[in-house]
Amino acid sequence: MATAYTLDFEKPLQELDRQIEELRRSSAERGIDLSGEIESLEGKLAERRDEIYRNLTPIQRVMVARHSRRPYTLDYLSTIFTDFIELHGDRLFRDDPAIVGGWARLAGQTVMVIGHQKGRDTKDNLRRNFGMPHPEGYRKALRLMKLAARFGAPVITLIDTDGAYPGIGAEERGQSEALARNILDMSVLPTPIVTVVIGVGGSGGALALGVADRVLMLENSIYSVISPEGCAAILWKDASQRERAAEALKLTAADLLGLKVIDEIIPEPAGGAHTDHDATGEAVREALIRHVSELRKVRPDKLVRRRAEKYGAMGAYSET
């Protein structure tokens, strides 16, 4: 079955895939051996895919980060963690399905995993509010982080949200306070924290799970204070200027590594994480094991001090 390409810049791949499928069908129907021609086209497809994904523009990476088939938090929980036990509720208002979290094991080690969760279809997206948490979601996340710290367990957060939900009810229940409280309390949490931006890291809604000892990003994920469309609408009064905005925002993993906002880029399979969930999960798993193992050797007081130094150094510059 041909791959369902959905992004504009993948059209050359779609055409090659169509030709491969036609050859396979002809071979089966006519009983002709076309394996040589098929193999040649598959080689061209792999080369073209590699070339395209090596040279993605910032706005194209935004499109890949938003891909509907990209692995979400629950996908990683089922592929790289074991013994997951989901914990619900903020003990104040309700449970927010836009954030999932609970105990799990990573390579046999107990950890607390917390992440944004989007839906795979309209019904699930409505239930999970398209991955945009209310304040009770962030309060649930903080409750679980403090529970992990009580038992000395590392915290792993997976970021994938366009932002915290800006609705009236969310504002009435203190959305901005919930985000600020998470940022403050994560900065002094006396246990290792490792964050992975797995898709879209949007604004304070992402940062409220992102104050960590190590911040990692998948190769085609993005992390920004605002969406390219929102930025373009504000600066140029024209959302169609999103490509220009994406360039200016420096929202790609490579940009952020250069600015020392993140610590490592996790490579994705050729064609993006949405093409191979298992391979992507294995890459994330290897990185998490490595960073968690390193951080567990550091005393809690030193972890907190280093965390403060890490974020205090961001944006610092000198004039000559």
Protein backbone atom coordinates (compact mmCIF):
# COMPACT_ATOMS: atom_id res chain seq x y z
CA MET A 1 0.00 0.00 0.00
CA ALA A 2 1.37 3.45 -0.91
CA THR A 3 2.37 5.85 1.83
CA ALA A 4 -0.21 8.60 2.40
CA TYR A 5 1.82 11.75 1.81
CA THR A 6 0.03 14.84 3.08
CA LEU A 7 2.58 17.67 2.98
CA ASP A 8 3.07 19.87 -0.09
CA PHE A 9 6.84 19.41 -0.27
CA GLU A 10 6.39 15.61 -0.30
CA LYS A 11 4.70 15.61 -3.74
CA PRO A 12 7.85 14.32 -5.53
CA LEU A 13 7.84 11.37 -3.12
CA GLN A 14 4.16 10.74 -3.78
CA GLU A 15 4.81 10.45 -7.51
CA LEU A 16 7.68 7.98 -7.03
CA ASP A 17 5.57 5.95 -4.61
CA ARG A 18 2.75 5.84 -7.17
CA GLN A 19 5.13 4.53 -9.84
CA ILE A 20 6.40 1.81 -7.48
CA GLU A 21 2.84 0.70 -6.71
CA GLU A 22 1.97 0.57 -10.42
CA LEU A 23 5.01 -1.63 -11.12
CA ARG A 24 4.10 -3.97 -8.27
CA ARG A 25 0.54 -4.24 -9.53
CA SER A 26 1.67 -4.90 -13.10
CA SER A 27 4.14 -7.51 -11.88
CA ALA A 28 1.42 -9.33 -9.94
CA GLU A 29 -1.22 -9.12 -12.68
CA ARG A 30 1.00 -10.10 -15.62
CA GLY A 31 3.38 -12.44 -13.85
CA ILE A 32 6.40 -10.39 -15.00
CA ASP A 33 9.51 -10.00 -12.85
CA LEU A 34 9.94 -6.25 -12.39
CA SER A 35 11.98 -6.48 -9.19
CA GLY A 36 14.94 -4.67 -10.75
CA GLU A 37 12.87 -1.66 -11.81
CA ILE A 38 11.07 -1.60 -8.45
CA GLU A 39 14.36 -1.73 -6.53
CA SER A 40 15.75 1.11 -8.64
CA LEU A 41 12.74 3.31 -7.97
CA GLU A 42 12.80 2.47 -4.24
CA GLY A 43 16.43 3.61 -4.18
CA LYS A 44 15.46 6.88 -5.87
CA LEU A 45 12.60 7.31 -3.39
CA ALA A 46 14.93 6.86 -0.40
CA GLU A 47 17.50 9.29 -1.86
CA ARG A 48 14.88 11.92 -2.66
CA ARG A 49 13.29 11.57 0.79
CA ASP A 50 16.69 12.01 2.47
CA GLU A 51 17.46 15.04 0.32
CA ILE A 52 14.12 16.71 1.07
CA TYR A 53 14.27 16.12 4.81
CA ARG A 54 17.91 17.23 5.06
CA ASN A 55 16.99 20.60 3.60
CA LEU A 56 13.66 21.46 5.21
CA THR A 57 12.93 25.15 5.72
CA PRO A 58 11.70 26.34 9.14
CA ILE A 59 8.06 26.50 7.98
CA GLN A 60 8.35 22.98 6.53
CA ARG A 61 9.59 21.73 9.92
CA VAL A 62 6.56 23.40 11.47
CA MET A 63 4.38 21.35 9.12
CA VAL A 64 6.19 18.12 10.05
CA ALA A 65 5.94 18.93 13.78
CA ARG A 66 2.17 19.34 13.36
CA HIS A 67 1.71 16.14 11.35
CA SER A 68 -1.40 14.26 12.51
CA ARG A 69 0.39 10.89 12.39
CA ARG A 70 3.31 12.01 14.53
CA PRO A 71 3.73 9.91 17.72
CA TYR A 72 2.12 11.44 20.80
CA THR A 73 2.79 10.93 24.51
CA LEU A 74 0.63 7.80 24.78
CA ASP A 75 2.49 6.28 21.82
CA TYR A 76 5.80 6.70 23.64
CA LEU A 77 4.29 5.36 26.84
CA SER A 78 3.39 2.15 25.03
CA THR A 79 6.65 1.75 23.09
CA ILE A 80 9.53 2.87 25.34
CA PHE A 81 8.12 2.64 28.86
CA THR A 82 6.67 -0.32 30.75
CA ASP A 83 4.28 -0.74 33.69
CA PHE A 84 2.62 2.64 33.14
CA ILE A 85 0.04 3.53 35.80
CA GLU A 86 -1.89 6.69 34.91
CA LEU A 87 -2.72 9.08 37.75
CA HIS A 88 -5.66 11.45 37.42
CA GLY A 89 -6.85 14.79 38.73
CA ASP A 90 -5.39 17.91 40.33
CA ARG A 91 -7.23 17.39 43.65
CA LEU A 92 -8.82 20.82 43.14
CA PHE A 93 -11.20 20.82 40.17
CA ARG A 94 -11.09 17.88 37.72
CA ASP A 95 -8.93 15.66 35.56
CA ASP A 96 -7.65 17.23 32.34
CA PRO A 97 -7.20 14.68 29.50
CA ALA A 98 -4.96 17.13 27.61
CA ILE A 99 -2.18 16.08 29.99
CA VAL A 100 -1.48 12.45 30.85
CA GLY A 101 0.94 11.31 33.50
CA GLY A 102 1.83 8.63 35.96
CA TRP A 103 4.38 6.13 37.16
CA ALA A 104 6.28 4.05 34.62
CA ARG A 105 9.52 2.16 34.22
CA LEU A 106 12.32 3.14 31.87
CA ALA A 107 14.81 0.29 31.42
CA GLY A 108 13.59 -1.10 34.75
CA GLN A 109 13.94 2.20 36.59
CA THR A 110 10.90 3.91 38.14
CA VAL A 111 10.17 7.35 36.68
CA MET A 112 7.29 9.81 36.54
CA VAL A 113 6.23 10.53 32.95
CA ILE A 114 4.03 13.53 32.12
CA GLY A 115 3.10 14.82 28.69
CA HIS A 116 0.66 16.72 26.52
CA GLN A 117 -1.75 14.49 24.62
CA LYS A 118 -3.63 15.31 21.40
CA GLY A 119 -6.38 13.22 19.84
CA ARG A 120 -6.19 11.05 16.73
CA ASP A 121 -9.71 11.88 15.54
CA THR A 122 -12.28 14.63 16.02
CA LYS A 123 -13.99 12.99 19.00
CA ASP A 124 -10.70 12.34 20.81
CA ASN A 125 -9.39 15.82 19.98
CA LEU A 126 -12.48 17.40 21.48
CA ARG A 127 -12.05 15.31 24.64
CA ARG A 128 -8.39 16.26 24.90
CA ASN A 129 -9.00 19.85 23.78
CA PHE A 130 -6.51 19.45 20.90
CA GLY A 131 -3.69 19.03 23.43
CA MET A 132 -4.23 22.48 24.98
CA PRO A 133 -4.47 22.05 28.77
CA HIS A 134 -6.63 23.96 31.22
CA PRO A 135 -5.05 25.09 34.51
CA GLU A 136 -6.12 21.85 36.20
CA GLY A 137 -3.95 19.98 33.71
CA TYR A 138 -0.87 21.90 34.76
CA ARG A 139 -1.81 21.55 38.42
CA LYS A 140 -2.13 17.80 37.92
CA ALA A 141 1.32 17.77 36.30
CA LEU A 142 2.84 19.68 39.21
CA ARG A 143 1.17 17.36 41.74
CA LEU A 144 2.77 14.38 40.00
CA MET A 145 6.18 16.07 39.86
CA LYS A 146 6.09 16.73 43.60
CA LEU A 147 5.02 13.13 44.21
CA ALA A 148 8.02 11.95 42.19
CA ALA A 149 10.36 14.24 44.15
CA ARG A 150 9.02 12.81 47.42
CA PHE A 151 10.24 9.36 46.34
CA GLY A 152 13.40 10.58 44.61
CA ALA A 153 12.18 9.46 41.18
CA PRO A 154 13.26 11.25 37.99
CA VAL A 155 10.64 13.26 36.10
CA ILE A 156 10.31 12.96 32.31
CA THR A 157 8.09 15.41 30.47
CA LEU A 158 7.02 15.20 26.82
CA ILE A 159 6.01 18.49 25.23
CA ASP A 160 3.53 18.71 22.36
CA THR A 161 1.05 21.57 22.56
CA ASP A 162 0.14 24.70 20.62
CA GLY A 163 -0.21 26.39 24.00
CA ALA A 164 -2.24 26.51 27.18
CA TYR A 165 -5.98 26.89 26.51
CA PRO A 166 -6.97 30.61 26.54
CA GLY A 167 -10.72 30.12 27.15
CA ILE A 168 -12.81 32.07 29.67
CA GLY A 169 -13.12 29.14 32.09
CA ALA A 170 -9.38 28.54 32.03
CA GLU A 171 -8.71 32.21 32.77
CA GLU A 172 -11.30 32.20 35.56
CA ARG A 173 -9.53 29.25 37.19
CA GLY A 174 -6.11 30.91 37.00
CA GLN A 175 -4.36 29.75 33.87
CA SER A 176 -1.50 32.23 34.11
CA GLU A 177 -0.96 31.45 37.80
CA ALA A 178 -0.86 27.72 37.06
CA LEU A 179 1.79 28.20 34.36
CA ALA A 180 3.87 30.52 36.54
CA ARG A 181 3.59 28.13 39.52
CA ASN A 182 4.84 25.20 37.44
CA ILE A 183 7.79 27.19 36.13
CA LEU A 184 8.70 28.35 39.64
CA ASP A 185 8.33 24.98 41.34
CA MET A 186 10.07 23.02 38.57
CA SER A 187 13.05 25.33 38.90
CA VAL A 188 13.62 24.12 42.48
CA LEU A 189 12.32 20.53 42.25
CA PRO A 190 14.94 18.35 44.01
CA THR A 191 14.91 15.49 41.52
CA PRO A 192 16.22 15.03 37.95
CA ILE A 193 14.00 16.44 35.19
CA VAL A 194 14.42 15.58 31.52
CA THR A 195 12.19 17.16 28.89
CA VAL A 196 11.69 16.10 25.27
CA VAL A 197 9.90 18.34 22.77
CA ILE A 198 8.24 15.65 20.65
CA GLY A 199 6.16 17.87 18.37
CA VAL A 200 5.03 21.45 18.90
CA GLY A 201 6.39 23.38 21.86
CA GLY A 202 4.08 26.38 22.07
CA SER A 203 4.54 29.32 24.42
CA GLY A 204 4.00 29.12 28.20
CA GLY A 205 1.89 26.00 27.74
CA ALA A 206 5.08 24.20 26.75
CA LEU A 207 7.39 25.96 29.19
CA ALA A 208 5.19 24.91 32.13
CA LEU A 209 6.44 21.35 31.51
CA GLY A 210 9.84 22.39 30.18
CA VAL A 211 11.98 23.75 33.03
CA ALA A 212 14.40 20.83 33.15
CA ASP A 213 17.99 19.81 33.77
CA ARG A 214 18.17 18.54 30.18
CA VAL A 215 15.95 19.75 27.36
CA LEU A 216 15.96 17.58 24.23
CA MET A 217 14.16 18.07 20.93
CA LEU A 218 13.26 15.68 18.17
CA GLU A 219 14.88 16.77 14.92
CA ASN A 220 11.67 18.07 13.32
CA SER A 221 9.96 19.45 16.40
CA ILE A 222 9.62 23.18 17.09
CA TYR A 223 9.76 25.31 20.25
CA SER A 224 8.60 28.92 20.20
CA VAL A 225 6.89 31.68 22.14
CA ILE A 226 4.23 32.00 19.42
CA SER A 227 3.11 30.25 16.25
CA PRO A 228 4.43 31.57 12.91
CA GLU A 229 0.86 32.53 11.92
CA GLY A 230 0.33 34.43 15.18
CA CYS A 231 3.67 36.19 14.88
CA ALA A 232 2.96 37.19 11.27
CA ALA A 233 -0.49 38.52 12.18
CA ILE A 234 0.99 40.71 14.92
CA LEU A 235 4.11 41.99 13.13
CA TRP A 236 2.86 42.30 9.55
CA LYS A 237 -0.94 42.13 10.00
CA ASP A 238 -0.86 39.22 7.58
CA ALA A 239 -0.92 35.56 8.70
CA SER A 240 0.19 34.49 5.20
CA GLN A 241 3.66 35.84 6.09
CA ARG A 242 4.15 32.74 8.25
CA GLU A 243 7.23 31.59 6.32
CA ARG A 244 8.97 34.88 7.06
CA ALA A 245 7.93 34.63 10.70
CA ALA A 246 9.17 31.04 11.03
CA GLU A 247 12.60 32.15 9.83
CA ALA A 248 12.71 35.04 12.30
CA LEU A 249 11.47 33.07 15.32
CA LYS A 250 14.44 30.62 15.33
CA LEU A 251 12.08 27.84 16.37
CA THR A 252 13.86 24.78 14.94
CA ALA A 253 15.92 22.33 16.97
CA ALA A 254 19.12 23.38 15.17
CA ASP A 255 18.46 27.08 15.91
CA LEU A 256 17.74 26.42 19.58
CA LEU A 257 20.77 24.18 20.03
CA GLY A 258 22.93 26.96 18.60
CA LEU A 259 21.35 29.43 21.04
CA LYS A 260 21.94 26.95 23.91
CA VAL A 261 18.24 26.87 24.78
CA ILE A 262 18.23 23.08 24.38
CA ASP A 263 20.87 20.45 25.11
CA GLU A 264 20.51 17.82 22.38
CA ILE A 265 18.75 17.01 19.12
CA ILE A 266 17.32 13.50 18.79
CA PRO A 267 17.46 12.35 15.15
CA GLU A 268 14.29 11.20 13.41
CA PRO A 269 13.89 8.44 10.79
CA ALA A 270 14.13 9.48 7.14
CA GLY A 271 10.80 11.07 6.31
CA GLY A 272 10.04 12.20 9.86
CA ALA A 273 8.87 10.61 13.11
CA HIS A 274 5.40 9.98 11.65
CA THR A 275 6.84 7.41 9.22
CA ASP A 276 8.29 5.09 11.88
CA HIS A 277 7.03 5.32 15.45
CA ASP A 278 9.16 2.40 16.65
CA ALA A 279 12.46 3.82 15.37
CA THR A 280 11.61 7.25 16.79
CA GLY A 281 10.71 5.69 20.14
CA GLU A 282 14.00 3.80 20.26
CA ALA A 283 15.96 7.01 19.63
CA VAL A 284 14.03 8.82 22.38
CA ARG A 285 14.47 5.86 24.73
CA GLU A 286 18.24 5.77 24.26
CA ALA A 287 18.55 9.51 24.92
CA LEU A 288 16.33 9.38 28.01
CA ILE A 289 18.22 6.46 29.55
CA ARG A 290 21.53 8.23 28.99
CA HIS A 291 20.48 11.57 30.46
CA VAL A 292 18.52 10.15 33.40
CA SER A 293 21.48 7.91 34.31
CA GLU A 294 23.83 10.89 34.29
CA LEU A 295 21.53 13.11 36.34
CA ARG A 296 20.84 10.49 39.01
CA LYS A 297 24.51 10.72 40.01
CA VAL A 298 24.13 14.41 40.93
CA ARG A 299 23.07 15.47 44.44
CA PRO A 300 19.63 17.18 44.59
CA ASP A 301 21.06 20.49 45.86
CA LYS A 302 23.58 20.53 43.03
CA LEU A 303 20.86 19.71 40.50
CA VAL A 304 18.82 22.73 41.60
CA ARG A 305 21.88 25.01 41.56
CA ARG A 306 22.90 23.88 38.08
CA ARG A 307 19.33 24.33 36.84
CA ALA A 308 19.30 27.92 38.07
CA GLU A 309 22.65 28.58 36.40
CA LYS A 310 21.45 26.99 33.16
CA TYR A 311 18.40 29.24 32.80
CA GLY A 312 20.16 32.28 34.21
CA ALA A 313 22.72 32.09 31.41
CA MET A 314 20.12 32.05 28.62
CA GLY A 315 19.96 35.31 26.70
CA ALA A 316 23.06 36.71 28.35
CA TYR A 317 25.34 38.73 26.10
CA SER A 318 28.23 41.17 26.30
CA GLU A 319 29.00 44.34 24.34
CA THR A 320 32.47 45.33 23.22
